[in-house]
Amino acid sequence: MNVRRTVLVLSTFGFLALSTNLHAFAATAPFTDVSQVASKEIITSLQQRGYLHGVTDQQFQPEATITAAQGIQLIVNALDLNIDGIRFIQEPKATNYFAKADNDAWYAPALIIAANNGLKLPADLDPDKEWSREEFIYQLVSAVEQHVNLPMINIVPVEINDGDALDPSYQGAIQRALAFGVAKLDAEGNMHPKDVISRSEAAELIYGAIEYLKAHPAPAADAMQP
């Protein structure tokens, strides 16, 4: 899933090391606040595999909401995105891409990686803004499709009872998320697209995307040669 691009080289920076294996060091002790959460096994699996980190070493805070910065970090980790193959003329900063970012914040490396891997993020992104369910699904599916050569499938649109509430620009990605089995409707057939997404819900979506990619690996480069 690594993206390789070449940019004019004048110098390199130690910063690039931040892009490598952001999920390499998983916490070993399980979270203490997920025992009563329906998605406990999913959260634990993602934590053990290094894709998921808590608010603290012991607490995941599953019912807390996801900010744009946290959502981007989750997607970067899940897809193993990096900037290892890019050489920069000068050290990249998050504010080069997102004016409202803080270059000293914990999320700055993830924003730089996201910007250089084609994620469809607005220049006026507010890292602290809570993401809705439809925003997170759109960004996750878009990132997956940007970096993985998924098999072509015929998608039969699913009827979403509250589909009128969907942002029209997100509808296609959400239908594909449903077709991939990444996202699900509730028992009444609703998506609740405008609701802010919780950390446990985001974890379930990330898990669904990872499992889908495992079941549908991209064709090997040699197999794609004519």
C-alpha atoms as a PDB file:
ATOM      1  CA  MET A   1       0.000   0.000   0.000  1.00  0.00           C
ATOM      2  CA  ASN A   2       2.979   2.298   0.049  1.00  0.00           C
ATOM      3  CA  VAL A   3       2.973   5.194  -2.339  1.00  0.00           C
ATOM      4  CA  ARG A   4       6.207   5.937  -4.163  1.00  0.00           C
ATOM      5  CA  ARG A   5       6.717   9.332  -5.744  1.00  0.00           C
ATOM      6  CA  THR A   6       9.760  11.369  -6.660  1.00  0.00           C
ATOM      7  CA  VAL A   7      10.138  15.041  -5.792  1.00  0.00           C
ATOM      8  CA  LEU A   8      13.194  17.213  -6.558  1.00  0.00           C
ATOM      9  CA  VAL A   9      15.881  16.531  -3.965  1.00  0.00           C
ATOM     10  CA  LEU A  10      17.983  19.183  -2.322  1.00  0.00           C
ATOM     11  CA  SER A  11      18.138  17.651   1.131  1.00  0.00           C
ATOM     12  CA  THR A  12      16.428  15.097   3.313  1.00  0.00           C
ATOM     13  CA  PHE A  13      15.117  15.350   6.812  1.00  0.00           C
ATOM     14  CA  GLY A  14      14.908  13.208   9.880  1.00  0.00           C
ATOM     15  CA  PHE A  15      11.210  14.002   9.842  1.00  0.00           C
ATOM     16  CA  LEU A  16      10.695  11.298   7.245  1.00  0.00           C
ATOM     17  CA  ALA A  17      11.283   8.685   9.888  1.00  0.00           C
ATOM     18  CA  LEU A  18       7.978   9.743  11.446  1.00  0.00           C
ATOM     19  CA  SER A  19       6.158   8.398   8.428  1.00  0.00           C
ATOM     20  CA  THR A  20       7.385   4.862   8.860  1.00  0.00           C
ATOM     21  CA  ASN A  21       5.432   2.263  10.818  1.00  0.00           C
ATOM     22  CA  LEU A  22       3.194   4.627  12.753  1.00  0.00           C
ATOM     23  CA  HIS A  23       1.450   1.573  14.167  1.00  0.00           C
ATOM     24  CA  ALA A  24       4.574  -0.475  14.815  1.00  0.00           C
ATOM     25  CA  PHE A  25       4.420  -0.198  18.589  1.00  0.00           C
ATOM     26  CA  ALA A  26       1.111  -1.488  19.855  1.00  0.00           C
ATOM     27  CA  ALA A  27       0.149  -1.236  23.489  1.00  0.00           C
ATOM     28  CA  THR A  28       0.452  -4.620  25.198  1.00  0.00           C
ATOM     29  CA  ALA A  29      -2.041  -4.103  28.036  1.00  0.00           C
ATOM     30  CA  PRO A  30      -5.701  -4.209  26.915  1.00  0.00           C
ATOM     31  CA  PHE A  31      -7.870  -1.173  27.447  1.00  0.00           C
ATOM     32  CA  THR A  32      -9.698  -1.208  30.762  1.00  0.00           C
ATOM     33  CA  ASP A  33     -12.840   0.619  29.610  1.00  0.00           C
ATOM     34  CA  VAL A  34     -14.129  -1.566  26.773  1.00  0.00           C
ATOM     35  CA  SER A  35     -15.314  -4.664  28.634  1.00  0.00           C
ATOM     36  CA  GLN A  36     -18.981  -3.656  28.279  1.00  0.00           C
ATOM     37  CA  VAL A  37     -18.711  -2.431  24.685  1.00  0.00           C
ATOM     38  CA  ALA A  38     -20.278  -4.554  21.941  1.00  0.00           C
ATOM     39  CA  SER A  39     -17.221  -4.052  19.734  1.00  0.00           C
ATOM     40  CA  LYS A  40     -14.776  -5.041  22.479  1.00  0.00           C
ATOM     41  CA  GLU A  41     -13.178  -7.834  20.418  1.00  0.00           C
ATOM     42  CA  ILE A  42     -12.719  -5.556  17.411  1.00  0.00           C
ATOM     43  CA  ILE A  43     -11.149  -2.798  19.488  1.00  0.00           C
ATOM     44  CA  THR A  44      -8.849  -5.272  21.227  1.00  0.00           C
ATOM     45  CA  SER A  45      -7.795  -6.841  17.924  1.00  0.00           C
ATOM     46  CA  LEU A  46      -6.970  -3.461  16.379  1.00  0.00           C
ATOM     47  CA  GLN A  47      -5.070  -2.441  19.491  1.00  0.00           C
ATOM     48  CA  GLN A  48      -3.012  -5.616  19.535  1.00  0.00           C
ATOM     49  CA  ARG A  49      -2.190  -5.209  15.850  1.00  0.00           C
ATOM     50  CA  GLY A  50      -1.076  -1.636  16.424  1.00  0.00           C
ATOM     51  CA  TYR A  51      -3.783   0.091  14.382  1.00  0.00           C
ATOM     52  CA  LEU A  52      -5.537   1.637  17.344  1.00  0.00           C
ATOM     53  CA  HIS A  53      -4.339   3.699  20.266  1.00  0.00           C
ATOM     54  CA  GLY A  54      -6.163   4.951  23.324  1.00  0.00           C
ATOM     55  CA  VAL A  55      -6.636   8.369  24.812  1.00  0.00           C
ATOM     56  CA  THR A  56      -4.274   7.026  27.479  1.00  0.00           C
ATOM     57  CA  ASP A  57      -2.362   3.745  27.708  1.00  0.00           C
ATOM     58  CA  GLN A  58      -5.282   2.187  29.573  1.00  0.00           C
ATOM     59  CA  GLN A  59      -8.372   4.009  28.296  1.00  0.00           C
ATOM     60  CA  PHE A  60      -9.859   3.941  24.815  1.00  0.00           C
ATOM     61  CA  GLN A  61     -12.963   6.016  25.682  1.00  0.00           C
ATOM     62  CA  PRO A  62     -15.170   4.142  23.202  1.00  0.00           C
ATOM     63  CA  GLU A  63     -18.127   6.518  23.450  1.00  0.00           C
ATOM     64  CA  ALA A  64     -16.066   9.662  22.895  1.00  0.00           C
ATOM     65  CA  THR A  65     -16.382  11.318  19.518  1.00  0.00           C
ATOM     66  CA  ILE A  66     -13.788  11.315  16.753  1.00  0.00           C
ATOM     67  CA  THR A  67     -12.173  14.523  15.584  1.00  0.00           C
ATOM     68  CA  ALA A  68     -10.878  15.022  12.062  1.00  0.00           C
ATOM     69  CA  ALA A  69      -7.302  14.650  13.329  1.00  0.00           C
ATOM     70  CA  GLN A  70      -8.088  11.375  15.096  1.00  0.00           C
ATOM     71  CA  GLY A  71      -9.965  10.056  12.070  1.00  0.00           C
ATOM     72  CA  ILE A  72      -7.088  10.864   9.738  1.00  0.00           C
ATOM     73  CA  GLN A  73      -4.624   9.170  12.083  1.00  0.00           C
ATOM     74  CA  LEU A  74      -6.800   6.048  12.119  1.00  0.00           C
ATOM     75  CA  ILE A  75      -6.950   5.933   8.321  1.00  0.00           C
ATOM     76  CA  VAL A  76      -3.212   6.550   7.922  1.00  0.00           C
ATOM     77  CA  ASN A  77      -2.485   3.724  10.369  1.00  0.00           C
ATOM     78  CA  ALA A  78      -4.999   1.303   8.861  1.00  0.00           C
ATOM     79  CA  LEU A  79      -3.675   1.710   5.316  1.00  0.00           C
ATOM     80  CA  ASP A  80      -0.024   1.925   6.378  1.00  0.00           C
ATOM     81  CA  LEU A  81       0.360   5.195   4.501  1.00  0.00           C
ATOM     82  CA  ASN A  82       3.725   6.924   4.557  1.00  0.00           C
ATOM     83  CA  ILE A  83       5.972   9.368   2.737  1.00  0.00           C
ATOM     84  CA  ASP A  84       9.029   7.153   2.658  1.00  0.00           C
ATOM     85  CA  GLY A  85       9.395   7.468  -1.101  1.00  0.00           C
ATOM     86  CA  ILE A  86       9.157  11.251  -1.219  1.00  0.00           C
ATOM     87  CA  ARG A  87      12.093  13.654  -0.953  1.00  0.00           C
ATOM     88  CA  PHE A  88      11.278  17.192   0.037  1.00  0.00           C
ATOM     89  CA  ILE A  89      13.046  20.418  -0.876  1.00  0.00           C
ATOM     90  CA  GLN A  90      12.357  21.640   2.626  1.00  0.00           C
ATOM     91  CA  GLU A  91      10.893  20.061   5.713  1.00  0.00           C
ATOM     92  CA  PRO A  92       7.138  19.671   5.243  1.00  0.00           C
ATOM     93  CA  LYS A  93       4.810  21.211   7.770  1.00  0.00           C
ATOM     94  CA  ALA A  94       1.165  20.505   8.374  1.00  0.00           C
ATOM     95  CA  THR A  95       0.328  24.158   7.753  1.00  0.00           C
ATOM     96  CA  ASN A  96       1.711  23.861   4.225  1.00  0.00           C
ATOM     97  CA  TYR A  97      -1.439  21.881   3.486  1.00  0.00           C
ATOM     98  CA  PHE A  98      -3.948  22.833   6.178  1.00  0.00           C
ATOM     99  CA  ALA A  99      -3.989  26.415   7.409  1.00  0.00           C
ATOM    100  CA  LYS A 100      -5.768  25.577  10.672  1.00  0.00           C
ATOM    101  CA  ALA A 101      -3.301  22.871  11.666  1.00  0.00           C
ATOM    102  CA  ASP A 102      -0.746  23.140  14.468  1.00  0.00           C
ATOM    103  CA  ASN A 103       2.738  22.093  13.377  1.00  0.00           C
ATOM    104  CA  ASP A 104       3.618  21.085  16.926  1.00  0.00           C
ATOM    105  CA  ALA A 105       0.504  18.989  17.530  1.00  0.00           C
ATOM    106  CA  TRP A 106       0.573  15.205  17.830  1.00  0.00           C
ATOM    107  CA  TYR A 107      -1.438  14.894  14.628  1.00  0.00           C
ATOM    108  CA  ALA A 108       0.894  16.945  12.404  1.00  0.00           C
ATOM    109  CA  PRO A 109       2.790  13.944  10.904  1.00  0.00           C
ATOM    110  CA  ALA A 110      -0.481  12.187  10.016  1.00  0.00           C
ATOM    111  CA  LEU A 111      -1.819  15.291   8.269  1.00  0.00           C
ATOM    112  CA  ILE A 112       1.365  15.611   6.223  1.00  0.00           C
ATOM    113  CA  ILE A 113       1.188  11.942   5.253  1.00  0.00           C
ATOM    114  CA  ALA A 114      -2.493  12.243   4.344  1.00  0.00           C
ATOM    115  CA  ALA A 115      -1.888  15.315   2.200  1.00  0.00           C
ATOM    116  CA  ASN A 116       0.903  13.580   0.288  1.00  0.00           C
ATOM    117  CA  ASN A 117      -1.137  10.428  -0.264  1.00  0.00           C
ATOM    118  CA  GLY A 118      -4.068  12.014  -2.024  1.00  0.00           C
ATOM    119  CA  LEU A 119      -6.677  11.949   0.727  1.00  0.00           C
ATOM    120  CA  LYS A 120      -9.606  14.165  -0.210  1.00  0.00           C
ATOM    121  CA  LEU A 121      -9.254  16.630   2.627  1.00  0.00           C
ATOM    122  CA  PRO A 122     -10.206  20.313   2.349  1.00  0.00           C
ATOM    123  CA  ALA A 123      -7.534  22.965   2.727  1.00  0.00           C
ATOM    124  CA  ASP A 124      -9.617  24.592   5.462  1.00  0.00           C
ATOM    125  CA  LEU A 125      -9.739  21.344   7.459  1.00  0.00           C
ATOM    126  CA  ASP A 126     -10.231  21.923  11.173  1.00  0.00           C
ATOM    127  CA  PRO A 127      -8.319  19.118  12.946  1.00  0.00           C
ATOM    128  CA  ASP A 128     -10.413  19.569  16.093  1.00  0.00           C
ATOM    129  CA  LYS A 129     -13.789  19.411  14.363  1.00  0.00           C
ATOM    130  CA  GLU A 130     -15.895  16.382  15.236  1.00  0.00           C
ATOM    131  CA  TRP A 131     -16.463  14.157  12.235  1.00  0.00           C
ATOM    132  CA  SER A 132     -19.897  12.864  11.367  1.00  0.00           C
ATOM    133  CA  ARG A 133     -20.541   9.262  10.391  1.00  0.00           C
ATOM    134  CA  GLU A 134     -20.821  10.166   6.703  1.00  0.00           C
ATOM    135  CA  GLU A 135     -17.598  12.198   6.758  1.00  0.00           C
ATOM    136  CA  PHE A 136     -15.597   9.370   8.286  1.00  0.00           C
ATOM    137  CA  ILE A 137     -17.006   6.743   5.923  1.00  0.00           C
ATOM    138  CA  TYR A 138     -16.355   8.962   2.909  1.00  0.00           C
ATOM    139  CA  GLN A 139     -12.752   9.628   3.872  1.00  0.00           C
ATOM    140  CA  LEU A 140     -12.083   5.974   4.718  1.00  0.00           C
ATOM    141  CA  VAL A 141     -13.539   4.586   1.489  1.00  0.00           C
ATOM    142  CA  SER A 142     -11.886   7.291  -0.616  1.00  0.00           C
ATOM    143  CA  ALA A 143      -8.508   6.531   0.944  1.00  0.00           C
ATOM    144  CA  VAL A 144      -8.912   2.797   0.385  1.00  0.00           C
ATOM    145  CA  GLU A 145      -9.860   3.296  -3.255  1.00  0.00           C
ATOM    146  CA  GLN A 146      -7.010   5.746  -3.771  1.00  0.00           C
ATOM    147  CA  HIS A 147      -4.375   3.266  -2.657  1.00  0.00           C
ATOM    148  CA  VAL A 148      -5.695  -0.205  -3.385  1.00  0.00           C
ATOM    149  CA  ASN A 149      -6.589  -1.678  -6.754  1.00  0.00           C
ATOM    150  CA  LEU A 150      -9.921  -3.143  -5.680  1.00  0.00           C
ATOM    151  CA  PRO A 151     -11.722  -5.651  -7.889  1.00  0.00           C
ATOM    152  CA  MET A 152     -14.523  -4.234 -10.006  1.00  0.00           C
ATOM    153  CA  ILE A 153     -17.962  -5.149  -8.689  1.00  0.00           C
ATOM    154  CA  ASN A 154     -21.477  -4.263  -9.730  1.00  0.00           C
ATOM    155  CA  ILE A 155     -23.045  -2.338  -6.884  1.00  0.00           C
ATOM    156  CA  VAL A 156     -26.793  -2.535  -6.400  1.00  0.00           C
ATOM    157  CA  PRO A 157     -27.693   0.572  -4.406  1.00  0.00           C
ATOM    158  CA  VAL A 158     -29.062  -0.168  -0.961  1.00  0.00           C
ATOM    159  CA  GLU A 159     -32.164   1.672   0.132  1.00  0.00           C
ATOM    160  CA  ILE A 160     -31.254   3.928   3.040  1.00  0.00           C
ATOM    161  CA  ASN A 161     -34.333   5.088   4.921  1.00  0.00           C
ATOM    162  CA  ASP A 162     -32.719   8.354   5.949  1.00  0.00           C
ATOM    163  CA  GLY A 163     -30.841   8.710   2.662  1.00  0.00           C
ATOM    164  CA  ASP A 164     -32.308  12.176   2.148  1.00  0.00           C
ATOM    165  CA  ALA A 165     -30.064  13.355   4.973  1.00  0.00           C
ATOM    166  CA  LEU A 166     -26.905  12.233   3.168  1.00  0.00           C
ATOM    167  CA  ASP A 167     -24.579  14.791   1.636  1.00  0.00           C
ATOM    168  CA  PRO A 168     -24.939  14.074  -2.117  1.00  0.00           C
ATOM    169  CA  SER A 169     -21.160  14.099  -2.558  1.00  0.00           C
ATOM    170  CA  TYR A 170     -20.851  11.259  -0.018  1.00  0.00           C
ATOM    171  CA  GLN A 171     -23.597   8.996  -1.364  1.00  0.00           C
ATOM    172  CA  GLY A 172     -21.422   6.970  -3.754  1.00  0.00           C
ATOM    173  CA  ALA A 173     -18.747   6.242  -1.144  1.00  0.00           C
ATOM    174  CA  ILE A 174     -21.368   5.242   1.411  1.00  0.00           C
ATOM    175  CA  GLN A 175     -23.077   2.882  -1.034  1.00  0.00           C
ATOM    176  CA  ARG A 176     -19.706   1.293  -1.778  1.00  0.00           C
ATOM    177  CA  ALA A 177     -18.969   0.996   1.944  1.00  0.00           C
ATOM    178  CA  LEU A 178     -22.248  -0.876   2.346  1.00  0.00           C
ATOM    179  CA  ALA A 179     -21.454  -3.101  -0.639  1.00  0.00           C
ATOM    180  CA  PHE A 180     -17.972  -3.864   0.722  1.00  0.00           C
ATOM    181  CA  GLY A 181     -19.441  -4.752   4.117  1.00  0.00           C
ATOM    182  CA  VAL A 182     -17.411  -1.995   5.738  1.00  0.00           C
ATOM    183  CA  ALA A 183     -20.479  -0.068   6.920  1.00  0.00           C
ATOM    184  CA  LYS A 184     -23.910  -1.267   7.980  1.00  0.00           C
ATOM    185  CA  LEU A 185     -27.327   0.269   8.447  1.00  0.00           C
ATOM    186  CA  ASP A 186     -29.130   0.001  11.758  1.00  0.00           C
ATOM    187  CA  ALA A 187     -32.064  -2.337  12.340  1.00  0.00           C
ATOM    188  CA  GLU A 188     -34.460   0.228  10.847  1.00  0.00           C
ATOM    189  CA  GLY A 189     -32.358   0.699   7.732  1.00  0.00           C
ATOM    190  CA  ASN A 190     -30.951   4.080   8.740  1.00  0.00           C
ATOM    191  CA  MET A 191     -27.418   5.425   8.397  1.00  0.00           C
ATOM    192  CA  HIS A 192     -27.717   8.447  10.716  1.00  0.00           C
ATOM    193  CA  PRO A 193     -25.182  10.243   8.506  1.00  0.00           C
ATOM    194  CA  LYS A 194     -25.115  13.536  10.395  1.00  0.00           C
ATOM    195  CA  ASP A 195     -24.516  11.998  13.824  1.00  0.00           C
ATOM    196  CA  VAL A 196     -21.032  12.485  15.187  1.00  0.00           C
ATOM    197  CA  ILE A 197     -19.170   9.201  15.084  1.00  0.00           C
ATOM    198  CA  SER A 198     -17.875   7.586  18.245  1.00  0.00           C
ATOM    199  CA  ARG A 199     -14.462   6.050  18.678  1.00  0.00           C
ATOM    200  CA  SER A 200     -15.949   2.563  18.911  1.00  0.00           C
ATOM    201  CA  GLU A 201     -17.952   3.069  15.701  1.00  0.00           C
ATOM    202  CA  ALA A 202     -14.870   4.330  13.895  1.00  0.00           C
ATOM    203  CA  ALA A 203     -12.959   1.273  15.108  1.00  0.00           C
ATOM    204  CA  GLU A 204     -15.632  -1.010  13.646  1.00  0.00           C
ATOM    205  CA  LEU A 205     -15.398   0.736  10.272  1.00  0.00           C
ATOM    206  CA  ILE A 206     -11.611   0.559  10.263  1.00  0.00           C
ATOM    207  CA  TYR A 207     -11.793  -3.138  11.123  1.00  0.00           C
ATOM    208  CA  GLY A 208     -14.297  -3.716   8.324  1.00  0.00           C
ATOM    209  CA  ALA A 209     -12.017  -1.986   5.814  1.00  0.00           C
ATOM    210  CA  ILE A 210      -8.953  -3.956   6.900  1.00  0.00           C
ATOM    211  CA  GLU A 211     -10.842  -7.255   6.734  1.00  0.00           C
ATOM    212  CA  TYR A 212     -12.235  -6.414   3.299  1.00  0.00           C
ATOM    213  CA  LEU A 213      -8.748  -5.674   2.015  1.00  0.00           C
ATOM    214  CA  LYS A 214      -7.457  -8.945   3.458  1.00  0.00           C
ATOM    215  CA  ALA A 215     -10.201 -10.831   1.632  1.00  0.00           C
ATOM    216  CA  HIS A 216      -9.663  -8.897  -1.610  1.00  0.00           C
ATOM    217  CA  PRO A 217      -5.909  -8.346  -1.999  1.00  0.00           C
ATOM    218  CA  ALA A 218      -4.711  -6.154  -4.827  1.00  0.00           C
ATOM    219  CA  PRO A 219      -3.344  -8.068  -7.843  1.00  0.00           C
ATOM    220  CA  ALA A 220       0.414  -8.582  -7.831  1.00  0.00           C
ATOM    221  CA  ALA A 221       2.334  -6.169 -10.042  1.00  0.00           C
ATOM    222  CA  ASP A 222       3.520  -9.011 -12.321  1.00  0.00           C
ATOM    223  CA  ALA A 223      -0.026 -10.225 -12.800  1.00  0.00           C
ATOM    224  CA  MET A 224      -1.036  -6.819 -14.083  1.00  0.00           C
ATOM    225  CA  GLN A 225       1.530  -6.778 -16.867  1.00  0.00           C
ATOM    226  CA  PRO A 226       0.113  -7.305 -20.376  1.00  0.00           C
END
